[in-house]
Protein backbone atom coordinates (compact mmCIF):
# COMPACT_ATOMS: atom_id res chain seq x y z
CA ASP A 1 -88.71 49.02 -126.79
CA PRO A 2 -88.83 46.98 -123.55
CA ALA A 3 -87.89 43.90 -125.45
CA GLN A 4 -84.47 45.54 -126.28
CA VAL A 5 -83.70 46.28 -122.67
CA HIS A 6 -81.88 43.81 -120.39
CA VAL A 7 -81.08 44.41 -116.72
CA LEU A 8 -77.78 42.82 -115.49
CA ALA A 9 -77.22 43.26 -111.65
CA ASN A 10 -74.00 43.27 -109.96
CA GLY A 11 -73.34 39.69 -108.77
CA ILE A 12 -71.55 38.38 -105.67
CA ASP A 13 -69.21 35.56 -104.96
CA VAL A 14 -71.47 33.06 -103.28
CA ASP A 15 -68.62 30.64 -102.69
CA PHE A 16 -66.82 33.28 -100.63
CA PHE A 17 -69.82 34.50 -98.79
CA LYS A 18 -71.54 31.41 -97.54
CA PRO A 19 -73.34 30.21 -94.45
CA ALA A 20 -71.60 28.72 -91.37
CA ALA A 21 -70.96 24.94 -91.58
CA VAL A 22 -74.19 24.18 -89.82
CA HIS A 23 -76.96 25.79 -91.83
CA PRO A 24 -79.69 26.61 -91.18
CA ARG A 25 -79.25 26.79 -87.37
CA PRO A 26 -81.30 28.44 -84.62
CA PRO A 27 -80.54 32.16 -83.90
CA HIS A 28 -78.30 33.05 -80.96
CA GLN A 29 -79.15 34.43 -77.65
CA PRO A 30 -78.94 37.39 -77.54
CA PHE A 31 -80.07 37.73 -81.18
CA ARG A 32 -77.42 39.25 -83.34
CA PHE A 33 -78.34 41.90 -85.86
CA ALA A 34 -75.50 42.78 -88.41
CA ALA A 35 -74.88 45.63 -90.81
CA THR A 36 -72.10 46.63 -93.16
CA GLY A 37 -71.63 49.76 -95.10
CA ARG A 38 -70.41 53.28 -95.26
CA LEU A 39 -71.71 55.37 -92.42
CA VAL A 40 -73.51 57.87 -94.56
CA GLU A 41 -77.13 59.05 -94.69
CA ILE A 42 -78.48 56.75 -97.47
CA LYS A 43 -77.63 53.60 -95.52
CA GLY A 44 -80.10 54.45 -92.80
CA PHE A 45 -77.97 53.62 -89.99
CA HIS A 46 -79.25 56.63 -87.93
CA VAL A 47 -82.71 54.91 -88.22
CA LEU A 48 -81.22 51.61 -87.04
CA VAL A 49 -79.93 53.32 -83.87
CA GLU A 50 -83.34 54.88 -83.18
CA ALA A 51 -85.03 51.60 -83.86
CA ALA A 52 -82.63 49.80 -81.42
CA GLY A 53 -83.29 52.36 -78.81
CA ILE A 54 -87.12 51.74 -79.19
CA LEU A 55 -86.62 47.94 -79.01
CA ALA A 56 -84.31 48.22 -76.04
CA ASN A 57 -87.17 49.88 -74.07
CA ARG A 58 -89.07 46.56 -74.43
CA ARG A 59 -86.32 43.96 -74.25
CA LYS A 60 -82.58 43.66 -73.98
CA ASP A 61 -81.94 40.21 -75.65
CA PHE A 62 -80.27 41.55 -78.82
CA VAL A 63 -77.19 43.29 -80.12
CA VAL A 64 -76.59 45.35 -83.22
CA GLN A 65 -73.11 45.53 -84.88
CA ILE A 66 -72.08 47.73 -87.85
CA VAL A 67 -68.95 47.15 -89.87
CA GLY A 68 -68.02 50.22 -91.65
CA GLU A 69 -66.53 53.81 -91.47
CA GLY A 70 -67.82 57.25 -92.57
CA GLU A 71 -68.79 60.71 -91.84
CA LEU A 72 -71.66 59.97 -89.53
CA ARG A 73 -69.64 57.86 -87.04
CA ALA A 74 -69.39 60.45 -84.26
CA THR A 75 -73.00 61.31 -84.66
CA LEU A 76 -74.08 57.69 -84.47
CA GLU A 77 -71.86 57.01 -81.33
CA ARG A 78 -73.22 60.12 -79.63
CA ARG A 79 -76.91 59.05 -80.18
CA VAL A 80 -76.11 55.52 -78.97
CA CYS A 81 -74.82 57.02 -75.70
CA GLU A 82 -77.83 59.33 -75.55
CA LEU A 83 -80.14 56.32 -75.79
CA GLY A 84 -78.29 54.33 -73.23
CA ILE A 85 -77.93 51.36 -75.61
CA ALA A 86 -74.10 51.00 -75.61
CA ASP A 87 -74.58 47.38 -74.48
CA GLN A 88 -76.82 46.64 -77.40
CA PHE A 89 -75.16 48.73 -80.22
CA THR A 90 -71.53 48.65 -81.47
CA LEU A 91 -69.63 50.28 -84.25
CA LEU A 92 -66.78 48.08 -85.31
CA GLY A 93 -65.08 50.26 -87.75
CA ARG A 94 -63.61 49.27 -91.03
CA ARG A 95 -62.73 45.64 -91.50
CA ASP A 96 -61.57 43.69 -94.43
CA ALA A 97 -63.30 40.91 -96.53
CA SER A 98 -61.62 38.03 -94.73
CA PHE A 99 -63.17 39.35 -91.46
CA LEU A 100 -66.55 39.58 -93.03
CA ARG A 101 -66.33 36.10 -94.42
CA GLN A 102 -65.96 34.73 -90.84
CA TRP A 103 -68.03 37.22 -89.02
CA LEU A 104 -71.14 37.48 -91.10
CA PRO A 105 -72.20 33.74 -91.10
CA GLU A 106 -72.13 33.95 -87.19
CA GLN A 107 -74.77 36.65 -87.04
CA ASP A 108 -78.56 36.09 -87.15
CA CYS A 109 -79.94 38.83 -89.38
CA PHE A 110 -78.65 41.41 -91.83
CA ALA A 111 -80.13 44.87 -91.54
CA LEU A 112 -79.72 47.66 -94.00
CA PRO A 113 -82.66 50.22 -93.52
CA CYS A 114 -81.84 52.51 -96.61
CA VAL A 115 -83.37 55.91 -96.93
CA ILE A 116 -83.48 58.67 -99.55
CA ALA A 117 -81.01 61.40 -98.50
CA LYS A 118 -82.01 64.95 -98.31
CA ASP A 119 -80.21 65.68 -101.49
CA GLY A 120 -82.12 62.82 -103.30
CA ASN A 121 -79.26 60.35 -103.30
CA ARG A 122 -80.23 56.77 -102.68
CA ASP A 123 -78.93 53.15 -102.88
CA GLY A 124 -80.09 50.92 -105.76
CA MET A 125 -79.39 47.32 -104.95
CA PRO A 126 -76.71 47.33 -102.21
CA LEU A 127 -74.27 44.46 -102.59
CA ALA A 128 -73.74 44.24 -98.82
CA LEU A 129 -77.38 43.25 -98.49
CA ARG A 130 -76.90 40.41 -100.91
CA GLU A 131 -73.72 39.25 -99.25
CA GLY A 132 -75.52 38.99 -95.88
CA MET A 133 -78.20 36.70 -97.54
CA ALA A 134 -75.55 34.71 -99.25
CA CYS A 135 -74.18 33.96 -95.72
CA GLY A 136 -77.64 32.62 -94.77
CA LEU A 137 -78.98 35.64 -93.04
CA PRO A 138 -82.62 36.69 -93.24
CA ALA A 139 -82.71 40.40 -94.13
CA LEU A 140 -84.21 43.63 -92.86
CA SER A 141 -84.48 46.57 -95.36
CA THR A 142 -86.96 49.16 -96.50
CA GLN A 143 -89.75 49.54 -99.13
CA LEU A 144 -87.58 51.57 -101.55
CA LEU A 145 -87.61 50.72 -105.27
CA GLY A 146 -85.00 48.08 -105.92
CA LEU A 147 -84.75 46.73 -102.45
CA HIS A 148 -87.84 44.64 -102.85
CA GLU A 149 -86.18 42.83 -105.61
CA THR A 150 -83.54 41.64 -103.16
CA VAL A 151 -85.71 41.15 -100.08
CA SER A 152 -88.72 39.14 -101.31
CA PRO A 153 -91.24 37.57 -99.24
CA GLY A 154 -89.96 34.75 -97.24
CA THR A 155 -86.34 36.00 -97.20
CA GLY A 156 -86.89 38.88 -94.73
CA PHE A 157 -89.00 41.98 -93.97
CA LEU A 158 -89.29 45.39 -95.52
CA SER A 159 -90.19 48.39 -93.15
CA GLU A 160 -91.18 51.86 -94.09
CA ALA A 161 -87.98 53.89 -95.08
CA GLY A 162 -86.94 56.37 -92.37
CA ASN A 163 -89.59 55.04 -89.83
CA ALA A 164 -87.71 53.79 -86.67
CA GLN A 165 -90.93 52.50 -85.18
CA SER A 166 -91.64 50.40 -88.26
CA LEU A 167 -87.97 49.00 -88.20
CA ALA A 168 -88.19 48.35 -84.51
CA ALA A 169 -91.41 46.27 -85.03
CA ASP A 170 -89.73 44.32 -87.75
CA MET A 171 -86.67 43.69 -85.62
CA GLU A 172 -88.86 42.20 -82.90
CA ARG A 173 -90.86 40.35 -85.54
CA MET A 174 -87.64 38.63 -86.69
CA MET A 175 -86.68 37.96 -83.09
CA SER A 176 -90.16 36.42 -82.53
CA LEU A 177 -90.04 33.79 -85.25
CA THR A 178 -90.12 30.24 -84.11
CA GLY A 179 -87.11 28.13 -84.76
CA THR A 180 -88.58 26.53 -87.70
CA GLU A 181 -89.80 29.90 -89.27
CA TYR A 182 -86.38 31.41 -88.74
CA GLN A 183 -84.52 28.45 -90.23
CA SER A 184 -86.84 28.52 -93.27
CA MET A 185 -86.21 32.13 -93.86
CA ALA A 186 -82.44 31.70 -93.51
CA ARG A 187 -82.56 28.82 -96.05
CA ALA A 188 -84.56 30.96 -98.53
CA ALA A 189 -82.18 33.87 -98.21
CA ARG A 190 -79.29 31.69 -99.10
CA LEU A 191 -81.15 30.07 -101.93
CA LYS A 192 -82.14 33.41 -103.51
CA ALA A 193 -78.53 34.56 -103.26
CA GLU A 194 -77.34 31.34 -105.07
CA THR A 195 -79.98 31.45 -107.75
CA GLU A 196 -80.34 35.18 -108.51
CA PHE A 197 -77.44 37.12 -107.06
CA SER A 198 -74.45 34.98 -107.91
CA LEU A 199 -71.65 36.18 -110.26
CA ARG A 200 -72.11 32.86 -112.12
CA HIS A 201 -75.78 33.67 -112.65
CA GLU A 202 -75.14 37.23 -113.88
CA VAL A 203 -72.26 36.19 -116.23
CA THR A 204 -74.36 33.24 -117.63
CA MET A 205 -77.16 35.67 -118.41
CA LEU A 206 -74.75 38.10 -120.14
CA GLN A 207 -73.32 35.31 -122.24
CA THR A 208 -76.78 34.12 -123.18
CA TRP A 209 -77.85 37.62 -124.35
CA MET A 210 -74.65 38.06 -126.41
CA GLN A 211 -74.78 34.63 -128.00
CA ARG A 212 -78.53 35.25 -128.86
CA GLU A 213 -77.58 38.56 -130.49
CA LEU A 214 -74.72 37.05 -132.50
CA ALA A 215 -76.98 34.42 -133.70
CA ARG A 216 -79.60 36.91 -134.77
CA ARG A 217 -76.97 38.72 -136.76
CA GLY A 218 -75.88 35.60 -138.46
CA GLN A 219 -72.55 35.69 -136.74
CA GLY A 220 -73.00 33.02 -134.15
CA ARG A 221 -70.96 29.78 -134.16
């Protein structure tokens, strides 16, 4: 019975992950794409490297930085070198939450191009994507089930999963927004995080459901 099913998402601390003091602000030059997560297949960082290579053939006014560590690091670094985009693409390795708190708000867009792994593994609703949006960053992700609940129209763009050409087009589309369009998207990303992703919102929903059930059983106070 759908009426008996409630979905509670993992919330994030929107007071810890928050925009820079001046928000919304114009994007930087060069444009800064950021990503955080384990360097594993489902995160799609191999697609992000390929997309950066495609975009770099057309323009050089951007950088991509990934915070995270994992089994694919050597593979990603090798491909960055093969594509000749070492000036555009950097793997920063593992960093702590205090670093992310300072670093994320100074980026311009959060990219997490998730894919379905060869073994069928996949991400559901990555918290990293929500943390980036909480910092006021428009988002780039993919059209997989669950991700569209995070990146809705006006907060970012969703490309075809595993398609580097599609992702590169959306990266350039993000860079080509006018200042007003970009700031509107940054504002919308933060607002969605505050209203739908916050720990406070999720705990309040849980409290409401529990109180409603207690009342239904005649045990509410």
